[in-house]
PDB file of N, CA and C in Angstrom:
ATOM      1  N   UNK A   1      37.937 -13.782   9.278  1.00  0.00           N
ATOM      2  CA  UNK A   1      36.803 -11.890   9.751  1.00  0.00           C
ATOM      3  C   UNK A   1      36.168 -12.196   9.023  1.00  0.00           C
ATOM      4  N   UNK A   2      34.676 -11.445   9.647  1.00  0.00           N
ATOM      5  CA  UNK A   2      33.915 -11.385   9.052  1.00  0.00           C
ATOM      6  C   UNK A   2      33.986  -9.888   7.719  1.00  0.00           C
ATOM      7  N   UNK A   3      32.974 -10.300   6.438  1.00  0.00           N
ATOM      8  CA  UNK A   3      33.017  -8.493   5.557  1.00  0.00           C
ATOM      9  C   UNK A   3      32.494  -8.429   5.866  1.00  0.00           C
ATOM     10  N   UNK A   4      32.072  -7.036   5.956  1.00  0.00           N
ATOM     11  CA  UNK A   4      31.072  -5.825   6.339  1.00  0.00           C
ATOM     12  C   UNK A   4      30.870  -5.466   5.023  1.00  0.00           C
ATOM     13  N   UNK A   5      29.016  -5.858   5.463  1.00  0.00           N
ATOM     14  CA  UNK A   5      28.382  -5.127   3.980  1.00  0.00           C
ATOM     15  C   UNK A   5      27.920  -3.893   4.027  1.00  0.00           C
ATOM     16  N   UNK A   6      28.450  -2.630   3.294  1.00  0.00           N
ATOM     17  CA  UNK A   6      27.845  -1.452   3.561  1.00  0.00           C
ATOM     18  C   UNK A   6      25.735  -1.694   3.772  1.00  0.00           C
ATOM     19  N   UNK A   7      25.051  -0.947   3.935  1.00  0.00           N
ATOM     20  CA  UNK A   7      23.652  -0.806   3.603  1.00  0.00           C
ATOM     21  C   UNK A   7      23.276   0.373   2.251  1.00  0.00           C
ATOM     22  N   UNK A   8      24.213   1.008   1.977  1.00  0.00           N
ATOM     23  CA  UNK A   8      24.384   1.254   0.429  1.00  0.00           C
ATOM     24  C   UNK A   8      24.739   0.193  -0.860  1.00  0.00           C
ATOM     25  N   UNK A   9      25.327  -0.486  -0.361  1.00  0.00           N
ATOM     26  CA  UNK A   9      25.295  -2.005  -1.051  1.00  0.00           C
ATOM     27  C   UNK A   9      24.453  -3.104  -0.812  1.00  0.00           C
ATOM     28  N   UNK A  10      23.410  -3.074  -0.054  1.00  0.00           N
ATOM     29  CA  UNK A  10      22.295  -3.531  -0.716  1.00  0.00           C
ATOM     30  C   UNK A  10      21.154  -3.402  -1.304  1.00  0.00           C
ATOM     31  N   UNK A  11      20.713  -3.696  -1.945  1.00  0.00           N
ATOM     32  CA  UNK A  11      19.647  -4.054  -2.932  1.00  0.00           C
ATOM     33  C   UNK A  11      18.230  -3.041  -1.899  1.00  0.00           C
ATOM     34  N   UNK A  12      17.120  -2.807  -3.098  1.00  0.00           N
ATOM     35  CA  UNK A  12      16.524  -1.674  -2.674  1.00  0.00           C
ATOM     36  C   UNK A  12      15.501  -2.629  -2.651  1.00  0.00           C
ATOM     37  N   UNK A  13      14.633  -2.822  -1.126  1.00  0.00           N
ATOM     38  CA  UNK A  13      13.377  -3.315  -1.149  1.00  0.00           C
ATOM     39  C   UNK A  13      12.188  -3.111  -1.643  1.00  0.00           C
ATOM     40  N   UNK A  14      11.586  -3.444  -2.562  1.00  0.00           N
ATOM     41  CA  UNK A  14      10.472  -2.890  -2.904  1.00  0.00           C
ATOM     42  C   UNK A  14       8.532  -4.334  -2.752  1.00  0.00           C
ATOM     43  N   UNK A  15       8.353  -3.661  -1.948  1.00  0.00           N
ATOM     44  CA  UNK A  15       6.983  -4.202  -1.434  1.00  0.00           C
ATOM     45  C   UNK A  15       6.108  -4.686  -2.249  1.00  0.00           C
ATOM     46  N   UNK A  16       6.170  -4.576  -3.753  1.00  0.00           N
ATOM     47  CA  UNK A  16       5.210  -4.205  -5.068  1.00  0.00           C
ATOM     48  C   UNK A  16       5.656  -5.457  -5.850  1.00  0.00           C
ATOM     49  N   UNK A  17       7.052  -6.156  -5.924  1.00  0.00           N
ATOM     50  CA  UNK A  17       6.750  -7.483  -6.064  1.00  0.00           C
ATOM     51  C   UNK A  17       6.979  -8.791  -5.328  1.00  0.00           C
ATOM     52  N   UNK A  18       6.377  -8.464  -4.118  1.00  0.00           N
ATOM     53  CA  UNK A  18       5.621  -9.540  -3.208  1.00  0.00           C
ATOM     54  C   UNK A  18       4.460  -9.653  -2.737  1.00  0.00           C
ATOM     55  N   UNK A  19       3.846  -8.820  -3.613  1.00  0.00           N
ATOM     56  CA  UNK A  19       2.514  -8.643  -3.409  1.00  0.00           C
ATOM     57  C   UNK A  19       1.355  -9.384  -4.646  1.00  0.00           C
ATOM     58  N   UNK A  20       1.428 -11.114  -5.030  1.00  0.00           N
ATOM     59  CA  UNK A  20       0.816 -11.844  -6.020  1.00  0.00           C
ATOM     60  C   UNK A  20      -1.112 -11.574  -6.214  1.00  0.00           C
ATOM     61  N   UNK A  21      -0.987 -11.728  -4.599  1.00  0.00           N
ATOM     62  CA  UNK A  21      -2.580 -11.834  -4.742  1.00  0.00           C
ATOM     63  C   UNK A  21      -3.200 -10.767  -3.390  1.00  0.00           C
ATOM     64  N   UNK A  22      -4.384 -11.941  -4.031  1.00  0.00           N
ATOM     65  CA  UNK A  22      -5.382 -10.432  -2.528  1.00  0.00           C
ATOM     66  C   UNK A  22      -5.205 -10.765  -0.648  1.00  0.00           C
ATOM     67  N   UNK A  23      -4.892 -12.230  -0.699  1.00  0.00           N
ATOM     68  CA  UNK A  23      -3.940 -13.060   0.768  1.00  0.00           C
ATOM     69  C   UNK A  23      -2.822 -11.548   0.709  1.00  0.00           C
ATOM     70  N   UNK A  24      -1.762 -11.489  -0.026  1.00  0.00           N
ATOM     71  CA  UNK A  24      -0.923 -11.234  -0.187  1.00  0.00           C
ATOM     72  C   UNK A  24      -0.949  -9.945   0.575  1.00  0.00           C
ATOM     73  N   UNK A  25      -2.122  -8.624  -0.347  1.00  0.00           N
ATOM     74  CA  UNK A  25      -2.210  -7.487  -0.387  1.00  0.00           C
ATOM     75  C   UNK A  25      -3.282  -7.198   1.668  1.00  0.00           C
ATOM     76  N   UNK A  26      -4.121  -8.280   1.686  1.00  0.00           N
ATOM     77  CA  UNK A  26      -4.363  -8.256   3.026  1.00  0.00           C
ATOM     78  C   UNK A  26      -3.787  -7.951   4.141  1.00  0.00           C
ATOM     79  N   UNK A  27      -2.860  -9.146   4.898  1.00  0.00           N
ATOM     80  CA  UNK A  27      -2.012  -9.303   4.918  1.00  0.00           C
ATOM     81  C   UNK A  27      -0.944  -7.972   5.061  1.00  0.00           C
ATOM     82  N   UNK A  28      -0.850  -7.836   4.610  1.00  0.00           N
ATOM     83  CA  UNK A  28      -0.044  -6.454   4.192  1.00  0.00           C
ATOM     84  C   UNK A  28      -0.574  -4.842   4.406  1.00  0.00           C
ATOM     85  N   UNK A  29      -2.058  -5.145   4.248  1.00  0.00           N
ATOM     86  CA  UNK A  29      -2.381  -4.160   4.538  1.00  0.00           C
ATOM     87  C   UNK A  29      -2.546  -3.529   6.554  1.00  0.00           C
ATOM     88  N   UNK A  30      -2.736  -4.687   6.928  1.00  0.00           N
ATOM     89  CA  UNK A  30      -3.366  -5.923   7.906  1.00  0.00           C
ATOM     90  C   UNK A  30      -1.865  -4.899   8.886  1.00  0.00           C
ATOM     91  N   UNK A  31      -0.894  -5.459   8.276  1.00  0.00           N
ATOM     92  CA  UNK A  31       0.810  -5.329   8.865  1.00  0.00           C
ATOM     93  C   UNK A  31       0.297  -3.616   9.647  1.00  0.00           C
ATOM     94  N   UNK A  32       0.356  -2.901   8.083  1.00  0.00           N
ATOM     95  CA  UNK A  32       0.320  -1.425   8.022  1.00  0.00           C
ATOM     96  C   UNK A  32      -0.783  -0.666   9.028  1.00  0.00           C
ATOM     97  N   UNK A  33      -1.630  -1.742   8.679  1.00  0.00           N
ATOM     98  CA  UNK A  33      -2.841  -0.834  10.118  1.00  0.00           C
ATOM     99  C   UNK A  33      -2.696  -0.503  11.548  1.00  0.00           C
ATOM    100  N   UNK A  34      -1.730  -1.272  11.861  1.00  0.00           N
ATOM    101  CA  UNK A  34      -1.997  -2.230  12.704  1.00  0.00           C
ATOM    102  C   UNK A  34      -0.514  -0.422  13.477  1.00  0.00           C
ATOM    103  N   UNK A  35      -0.004  -0.120  12.317  1.00  0.00           N
ATOM    104  CA  UNK A  35       0.489   1.370  13.198  1.00  0.00           C
ATOM    105  C   UNK A  35       0.303   2.700  13.279  1.00  0.00           C
ATOM    106  N   UNK A  36      -0.851   2.753  12.728  1.00  0.00           N
ATOM    107  CA  UNK A  36      -1.687   3.807  12.615  1.00  0.00           C
ATOM    108  C   UNK A  36      -1.418   4.938  12.307  1.00  0.00           C
ATOM    109  N   UNK A  37       0.313   4.977  10.520  1.00  0.00           N
ATOM    110  CA  UNK A  37      -0.146   6.309  10.546  1.00  0.00           C
ATOM    111  C   UNK A  37      -0.688   6.256   9.037  1.00  0.00           C
ATOM    112  N   UNK A  38      -1.777   7.527   8.903  1.00  0.00           N
ATOM    113  CA  UNK A  38      -1.838   7.446   7.196  1.00  0.00           C
ATOM    114  C   UNK A  38      -0.799   7.743   6.485  1.00  0.00           C
ATOM    115  N   UNK A  39       0.175   8.580   6.662  1.00  0.00           N
ATOM    116  CA  UNK A  39       0.761   8.234   5.487  1.00  0.00           C
ATOM    117  C   UNK A  39       2.053   6.979   5.242  1.00  0.00           C
ATOM    118  N   UNK A  40       2.466   6.224   5.747  1.00  0.00           N
ATOM    119  CA  UNK A  40       2.241   4.954   6.123  1.00  0.00           C
ATOM    120  C   UNK A  40       1.540   4.061   5.264  1.00  0.00           C
ATOM    121  N   UNK A  41      -0.162   4.413   5.841  1.00  0.00           N
ATOM    122  CA  UNK A  41      -0.788   3.703   4.591  1.00  0.00           C
ATOM    123  C   UNK A  41      -1.100   3.451   3.596  1.00  0.00           C
ATOM    124  N   UNK A  42      -1.415   5.206   2.936  1.00  0.00           N
ATOM    125  CA  UNK A  42      -1.003   5.742   1.408  1.00  0.00           C
ATOM    126  C   UNK A  42       0.150   5.231   1.525  1.00  0.00           C
ATOM    127  N   UNK A  43       1.020   5.079   1.647  1.00  0.00           N
ATOM    128  CA  UNK A  43       2.618   4.568   0.448  1.00  0.00           C
ATOM    129  C   UNK A  43       2.558   2.910   0.604  1.00  0.00           C
ATOM    130  N   UNK A  44       1.502   2.088   1.405  1.00  0.00           N
ATOM    131  CA  UNK A  44       1.090   1.084   1.537  1.00  0.00           C
ATOM    132  C   UNK A  44       0.775   1.097  -0.123  1.00  0.00           C
ATOM    133  N   UNK A  45      -0.576   1.474  -0.169  1.00  0.00           N
ATOM    134  CA  UNK A  45      -1.398   1.436  -0.984  1.00  0.00           C
ATOM    135  C   UNK A  45      -0.803   1.704  -2.085  1.00  0.00           C
ATOM    136  N   UNK A  46       0.444   2.340  -2.503  1.00  0.00           N
ATOM    137  CA  UNK A  46       0.713   2.729  -3.340  1.00  0.00           C
ATOM    138  C   UNK A  46       1.690   1.414  -4.059  1.00  0.00           C
ATOM    139  N   UNK A  47       1.502   0.977  -2.758  1.00  0.00           N
ATOM    140  CA  UNK A  47       2.982  -0.080  -3.305  1.00  0.00           C
ATOM    141  C   UNK A  47       2.183  -0.840  -3.657  1.00  0.00           C
ATOM    142  N   UNK A  48       0.585  -1.156  -3.263  1.00  0.00           N
ATOM    143  CA  UNK A  48      -0.152  -2.325  -3.906  1.00  0.00           C
ATOM    144  C   UNK A  48      -0.665  -2.080  -5.231  1.00  0.00           C
ATOM    145  N   UNK A  49      -0.857  -0.756  -5.644  1.00  0.00           N
ATOM    146  CA  UNK A  49      -1.460  -0.148  -6.238  1.00  0.00           C
ATOM    147  C   UNK A  49      -0.104  -0.223  -7.992  1.00  0.00           C
ATOM    148  N   UNK A  50       0.868  -0.587  -7.595  1.00  0.00           N
ATOM    149  CA  UNK A  50       2.270  -0.693  -8.548  1.00  0.00           C
ATOM    150  C   UNK A  50       2.654  -1.880  -8.783  1.00  0.00           C
ATOM    151  N   UNK A  51       1.680  -2.509  -7.967  1.00  0.00           N
ATOM    152  CA  UNK A  51       1.934  -3.360  -8.245  1.00  0.00           C
ATOM    153  C   UNK A  51       0.820  -4.491  -9.442  1.00  0.00           C
ATOM    154  N   UNK A  52       0.330  -3.977  -8.664  1.00  0.00           N
ATOM    155  CA  UNK A  52      -1.731  -4.512  -9.777  1.00  0.00           C
ATOM    156  C   UNK A  52      -1.253  -3.936 -10.529  1.00  0.00           C
ATOM    157  N   UNK A  53      -0.485  -2.023 -11.406  1.00  0.00           N
ATOM    158  CA  UNK A  53      -0.803  -1.289 -12.077  1.00  0.00           C
ATOM    159  C   UNK A  53      -1.716  -0.211 -12.068  1.00  0.00           C
ATOM    160  N   UNK A  54      -0.835   0.864 -11.617  1.00  0.00           N
ATOM    161  CA  UNK A  54      -1.763   2.406 -11.422  1.00  0.00           C
ATOM    162  C   UNK A  54      -3.019   2.309 -12.753  1.00  0.00           C
ATOM    163  N   UNK A  55      -2.418   2.552 -13.715  1.00  0.00           N
ATOM    164  CA  UNK A  55      -3.503   2.733 -14.290  1.00  0.00           C
ATOM    165  C   UNK A  55      -4.800   1.965 -14.517  1.00  0.00           C
ATOM    166  N   UNK A  56      -4.357   0.338 -14.408  1.00  0.00           N
ATOM    167  CA  UNK A  56      -6.042  -0.247 -14.047  1.00  0.00           C
ATOM    168  C   UNK A  56      -6.584   0.191 -13.177  1.00  0.00           C
ATOM    169  N   UNK A  57      -5.679   0.692 -12.244  1.00  0.00           N
ATOM    170  CA  UNK A  57      -6.499   0.814 -10.236  1.00  0.00           C
ATOM    171  C   UNK A  57      -6.703   2.011 -10.271  1.00  0.00           C
ATOM    172  N   UNK A  58      -6.390   3.058 -10.666  1.00  0.00           N
ATOM    173  CA  UNK A  58      -7.106   3.991 -10.703  1.00  0.00           C
ATOM    174  C   UNK A  58      -8.463   4.421 -12.085  1.00  0.00           C
ATOM    175  N   UNK A  59      -8.252   3.713 -12.823  1.00  0.00           N
ATOM    176  CA  UNK A  59     -10.283   3.472 -13.577  1.00  0.00           C
ATOM    177  C   UNK A  59     -10.573   2.482 -13.167  1.00  0.00           C
ATOM    178  N   UNK A  60     -10.390   1.889 -12.126  1.00  0.00           N
ATOM    179  CA  UNK A  60     -11.647   0.755 -11.478  1.00  0.00           C
ATOM    180  C   UNK A  60     -11.632   1.728 -10.081  1.00  0.00           C
ATOM    181  N   UNK A  61     -11.128   2.512 -10.033  1.00  0.00           N
ATOM    182  CA  UNK A  61     -11.157   3.568  -8.722  1.00  0.00           C
ATOM    183  C   UNK A  61     -12.614   4.774  -9.447  1.00  0.00           C
ATOM    184  N   UNK A  62     -12.373   4.323 -10.303  1.00  0.00           N
ATOM    185  CA  UNK A  62     -13.008   6.079 -10.495  1.00  0.00           C
ATOM    186  C   UNK A  62     -12.287   7.255 -10.610  1.00  0.00           C
ATOM    187  N   UNK A  63     -11.069   7.582 -10.113  1.00  0.00           N
ATOM    188  CA  UNK A  63     -10.107   8.675 -10.561  1.00  0.00           C
ATOM    189  C   UNK A  63      -8.850   8.297 -11.286  1.00  0.00           C
ATOM    190  N   UNK A  64      -7.571   9.931 -11.247  1.00  0.00           N
ATOM    191  CA  UNK A  64      -7.332   9.683 -12.881  1.00  0.00           C
ATOM    192  C   UNK A  64      -6.140   9.190 -12.508  1.00  0.00           C
ATOM    193  N   UNK A  65      -5.129   8.844 -13.612  1.00  0.00           N
ATOM    194  CA  UNK A  65      -3.745   8.532 -12.820  1.00  0.00           C
ATOM    195  C   UNK A  65      -3.193   9.339 -12.037  1.00  0.00           C
ATOM    196  N   UNK A  66      -2.963  10.388 -12.034  1.00  0.00           N
ATOM    197  CA  UNK A  66      -2.628  11.110 -11.076  1.00  0.00           C
ATOM    198  C   UNK A  66      -3.002  11.696  -9.953  1.00  0.00           C
ATOM    199  N   UNK A  67      -4.492  11.828 -10.032  1.00  0.00           N
ATOM    200  CA  UNK A  67      -4.538  12.033  -8.918  1.00  0.00           C
ATOM    201  C   UNK A  67      -4.169  10.687  -7.616  1.00  0.00           C
ATOM    202  N   UNK A  68      -4.276   9.229  -8.343  1.00  0.00           N
ATOM    203  CA  UNK A  68      -3.373   8.411  -8.138  1.00  0.00           C
ATOM    204  C   UNK A  68      -2.746   7.901  -7.365  1.00  0.00           C
ATOM    205  N   UNK A  69      -1.729   8.894  -8.293  1.00  0.00           N
ATOM    206  CA  UNK A  69      -0.549   8.791  -7.478  1.00  0.00           C
ATOM    207  C   UNK A  69       0.042  10.189  -6.351  1.00  0.00           C
ATOM    208  N   UNK A  70      -0.692  10.886  -6.565  1.00  0.00           N
ATOM    209  CA  UNK A  70      -0.964  12.191  -5.699  1.00  0.00           C
ATOM    210  C   UNK A  70      -1.872  11.425  -4.269  1.00  0.00           C
ATOM    211  N   UNK A  71      -2.927  10.720  -4.513  1.00  0.00           N
ATOM    212  CA  UNK A  71      -3.242  10.428  -2.988  1.00  0.00           C
ATOM    213  C   UNK A  71      -2.093   9.065  -2.409  1.00  0.00           C
ATOM    214  N   UNK A  72      -1.598   8.193  -3.020  1.00  0.00           N
ATOM    215  CA  UNK A  72      -0.850   7.673  -2.418  1.00  0.00           C
ATOM    216  C   UNK A  72       0.613   7.376  -2.393  1.00  0.00           C
ATOM    217  N   UNK A  73       0.822   8.890  -2.695  1.00  0.00           N
ATOM    218  CA  UNK A  73       2.635   9.407  -2.345  1.00  0.00           C
ATOM    219  C   UNK A  73       3.109   9.044  -0.500  1.00  0.00           C
ATOM    220  N   UNK A  74       4.095   8.528  -0.124  1.00  0.00           N
ATOM    221  CA  UNK A  74       4.224   8.088   0.894  1.00  0.00           C
ATOM    222  C   UNK A  74       3.905   9.489   2.235  1.00  0.00           C
ATOM    223  N   UNK A  75       3.960  10.427   1.199  1.00  0.00           N
ATOM    224  CA  UNK A  75       3.533  11.738   2.916  1.00  0.00           C
ATOM    225  C   UNK A  75       2.479  12.130   2.386  1.00  0.00           C
ATOM    226  N   UNK A  76       1.657  11.924   2.102  1.00  0.00           N
ATOM    227  CA  UNK A  76      -0.051  11.578   2.125  1.00  0.00           C
ATOM    228  C   UNK A  76      -0.707  11.388   2.273  1.00  0.00           C
ATOM    229  N   UNK A  77      -2.354  11.618   2.887  1.00  0.00           N
ATOM    230  CA  UNK A  77      -2.997  11.452   3.884  1.00  0.00           C
ATOM    231  C   UNK A  77      -4.440  11.902   2.655  1.00  0.00           C
ATOM    232  N   UNK A  78      -4.569  10.669   2.330  1.00  0.00           N
ATOM    233  CA  UNK A  78      -5.817  10.402   1.789  1.00  0.00           C
ATOM    234  C   UNK A  78      -7.257  10.698   2.714  1.00  0.00           C
ATOM    235  N   UNK A  79      -7.772  11.105   2.059  1.00  0.00           N
ATOM    236  CA  UNK A  79      -9.404  10.870   2.846  1.00  0.00           C
ATOM    237  C   UNK A  79      -9.664   9.117   2.579  1.00  0.00           C
ATOM    238  N   UNK A  80     -10.413   8.960   3.153  1.00  0.00           N
ATOM    239  CA  UNK A  80     -11.063   8.090   3.854  1.00  0.00           C
ATOM    240  C   UNK A  80     -11.712   7.456   2.414  1.00  0.00           C
ATOM    241  N   UNK A  81     -12.587   7.991   1.718  1.00  0.00           N
ATOM    242  CA  UNK A  81     -13.645   7.802   0.272  1.00  0.00           C
ATOM    243  C   UNK A  81     -11.927   6.968  -0.599  1.00  0.00           C
ATOM    244  N   UNK A  82     -11.669   8.424  -0.960  1.00  0.00           N
ATOM    245  CA  UNK A  82     -10.312   7.291  -1.667  1.00  0.00           C
ATOM    246  C   UNK A  82      -9.688   6.158  -1.328  1.00  0.00           C
ATOM    247  N   UNK A  83      -9.412   5.507  -0.196  1.00  0.00           N
ATOM    248  CA  UNK A  83      -8.938   4.929   0.867  1.00  0.00           C
ATOM    249  C   UNK A  83      -9.607   3.738   0.432  1.00  0.00           C
ATOM    250  N   UNK A  84     -11.348   3.811  -0.097  1.00  0.00           N
ATOM    251  CA  UNK A  84     -11.873   2.949   0.154  1.00  0.00           C
ATOM    252  C   UNK A  84     -12.099   2.553  -1.546  1.00  0.00           C
ATOM    253  N   UNK A  85     -12.456   3.588  -2.117  1.00  0.00           N
ATOM    254  CA  UNK A  85     -12.511   3.115  -3.397  1.00  0.00           C
ATOM    255  C   UNK A  85     -11.215   2.333  -3.705  1.00  0.00           C
ATOM    256  N   UNK A  86      -9.832   3.016  -3.506  1.00  0.00           N
ATOM    257  CA  UNK A  86      -8.548   1.462  -4.269  1.00  0.00           C
ATOM    258  C   UNK A  86      -8.386   0.567  -3.795  1.00  0.00           C
ATOM    259  N   UNK A  87      -9.345   0.614  -2.769  1.00  0.00           N
ATOM    260  CA  UNK A  87      -9.414  -1.133  -1.117  1.00  0.00           C
ATOM    261  C   UNK A  87      -9.543  -1.507  -2.151  1.00  0.00           C
ATOM    262  N   UNK A  88     -11.199  -1.580  -2.826  1.00  0.00           N
ATOM    263  CA  UNK A  88     -11.828  -2.226  -3.298  1.00  0.00           C
ATOM    264  C   UNK A  88     -11.768  -1.953  -4.895  1.00  0.00           C
ATOM    265  N   UNK A  89     -11.154  -1.183  -5.519  1.00  0.00           N
ATOM    266  CA  UNK A  89     -10.458  -1.658  -7.098  1.00  0.00           C
ATOM    267  C   UNK A  89      -8.791  -2.834  -7.338  1.00  0.00           C
ATOM    268  N   UNK A  90      -8.646  -2.663  -5.668  1.00  0.00           N
ATOM    269  CA  UNK A  90      -7.411  -3.810  -5.819  1.00  0.00           C
ATOM    270  C   UNK A  90      -8.424  -5.045  -4.828  1.00  0.00           C
ATOM    271  N   UNK A  91      -9.396  -5.173  -4.610  1.00  0.00           N
ATOM    272  CA  UNK A  91     -10.152  -6.396  -4.439  1.00  0.00           C
ATOM    273  C   UNK A  91     -10.043  -6.593  -3.116  1.00  0.00           C
ATOM    274  N   UNK A  92      -9.929  -5.677  -2.002  1.00  0.00           N
ATOM    275  CA  UNK A  92      -9.704  -6.018  -0.231  1.00  0.00           C
ATOM    276  C   UNK A  92     -10.996  -5.080  -0.021  1.00  0.00           C
ATOM    277  N   UNK A  93     -11.154  -5.584   1.423  1.00  0.00           N
ATOM    278  CA  UNK A  93     -12.113  -4.293   2.612  1.00  0.00           C
ATOM    279  C   UNK A  93     -11.163  -4.295   3.743  1.00  0.00           C
ATOM    280  N   UNK A  94     -11.655  -3.292   3.939  1.00  0.00           N
ATOM    281  CA  UNK A  94     -11.177  -2.963   6.146  1.00  0.00           C
ATOM    282  C   UNK A  94     -11.780  -2.980   6.663  1.00  0.00           C
ATOM    283  N   UNK A  95     -11.595  -3.551   7.707  1.00  0.00           N
ATOM    284  CA  UNK A  95     -12.345  -4.192   8.532  1.00  0.00           C
ATOM    285  C   UNK A  95     -12.183  -4.020   9.806  1.00  0.00           C
ATOM    286  N   UNK A  96     -12.988  -3.715  10.756  1.00  0.00           N
ATOM    287  CA  UNK A  96     -12.700  -3.834  12.281  1.00  0.00           C
ATOM    288  C   UNK A  96     -12.429  -4.749  13.059  1.00  0.00           C
ATOM    289  N   UNK A  97     -12.306  -4.767  14.189  1.00  0.00           N
ATOM    290  CA  UNK A  97     -11.721  -6.005  14.402  1.00  0.00           C
ATOM    291  C   UNK A  97     -11.807  -5.406  16.153  1.00  0.00           C
ATOM    292  N   UNK A  98     -12.522  -5.857  17.496  1.00  0.00           N
ATOM    293  CA  UNK A  98     -12.713  -5.950  18.712  1.00  0.00           C
ATOM    294  C   UNK A  98     -10.592  -5.273  19.153  1.00  0.00           C
ATOM    295  N   UNK A  99     -10.522  -4.275  19.513  1.00  0.00           N
ATOM    296  CA  UNK A  99      -8.559  -4.219  20.499  1.00  0.00           C
ATOM    297  C   UNK A  99      -8.834  -5.150  22.206  1.00  0.00           C
ATOM    298  N   UNK A 100      -7.953  -5.728  22.248  1.00  0.00           N
ATOM    299  CA  UNK A 100      -8.135  -6.225  22.937  1.00  0.00           C
ATOM    300  C   UNK A 100      -7.037  -5.554  24.255  1.00  0.00           C
ATOM    301  N   UNK A 101      -7.074  -5.638  25.727  1.00  0.00           N
ATOM    302  CA  UNK A 101      -6.227  -5.252  26.321  1.00  0.00           C
ATOM    303  C   UNK A 101      -4.849  -5.773  25.878  1.00  0.00           C
TER     304      UNK A 101
END
């Protein structure tokens, strides 16, 4: 008989633990952007900023740490300017690609 595992017994998954370099960050953001969900993008940028250090990213982006937390909470819809500044601070940029039918 197979032992059943309860969902509540599984460890929490934290993407921030797996984002080691710019290539990991770019791959993660690419997948997130395909979802076309601004709140999900904000949460993903928050994951990445936590992986790199919120204080350092806030300073590099030119915003306060508190404003960064607020802008990147899971239910946020940050302005494009904020997203762009955070991406620059993270060492990545958003790129447009043609949509193929």
